[in-house]
Amino acid sequence: MKVLVIISSFRKRNTYHTVQEIEQVHKSVCPCEYEYLFLSKANLKTCRGCHLCLTKGEQYCPLKDDRDDIIARIESSDAVILASPNHTRNVNWLMKNFIDRLSYLMHRPRFFSQRFMILITSGSYMGVKEAIKALSPAASGGKIVSRFGTMNSPGMNESKKQRETKKVRAEAKKFAAAMQRDHKFSASFVNMLWFAAFKATTSTNPNDFPADFEYYQDKQFFVETPLNMYQKAAIGLFTSLFTFMIEMGFV
């Protein structure tokens, strides 16, 4: 079992130490291998916001760096921990740049085989929920089995430190338990809505997002999986409904 940890903190302190605690608990539950990717050392250039990856396709991104290698490392892992400090009620800029560089994967998801943990470390709880919400879409179709924030302020008393340590260990055990269960991306209600919304959008406006149109046009669902008659009917109904709403200008 391989776990890739993507850390956006510049220093090996609170965020790094928290992940090390998670790794220790995980290894006490079952055999696993942890690999660390520090965004501060990665060759991942700053997103220009040109949207070429979203519209024409990721191969048209003008930035040539290690983006595709990072994606390959994610896809070769069984699980991914996305860990960022809370900066001004959000992830820090390195993690935000990571999200922006991979933003096309929120249109054309591909991490269906991976499980994710979303981890935010913070000096206070202000903004932790916002940071978790901002980071979660980076899972791109992967199953998020744990998302939480932990506080590590220098002024914390011993009781608060013990409480936070207990929380981290509990989430680590939850994560380890989830990794021992079989996982298969399913046609859940939310996933069917997600698929239908994008299929309707791309079929209605194929020239606006040609890369999305190519991705969705021949698909019945995100992944090749047996769909029963009710799931097929639901996807068809949702797609028709979204198409109608787009054509009428409601969305």
Foldseek 3Di string as FASTA:
>chain_A
DEEEEEEADPDCPDQVVLVVLLVVLLCVVDDYYYDYDYLVPAFQDADPPPCCCQAVRLVPRPDDGCLVVVVVVLLVGQEYEYEAEQDPLAGDPSLVRNCVNCVNLLLQADSQRHEYEYEYEYQDPRNQVVHQVSNVSVSSNHHYQYYDYAHDHPPDDPVNVVVRSVVSSVRSVSVSVVSVDDGGRDLDPVQLLSLLLLQLVCVLPVNRHVVSCVSNVPDLGSDDDDDDPVSSVSSVVSNVVNNVCVVVPVD
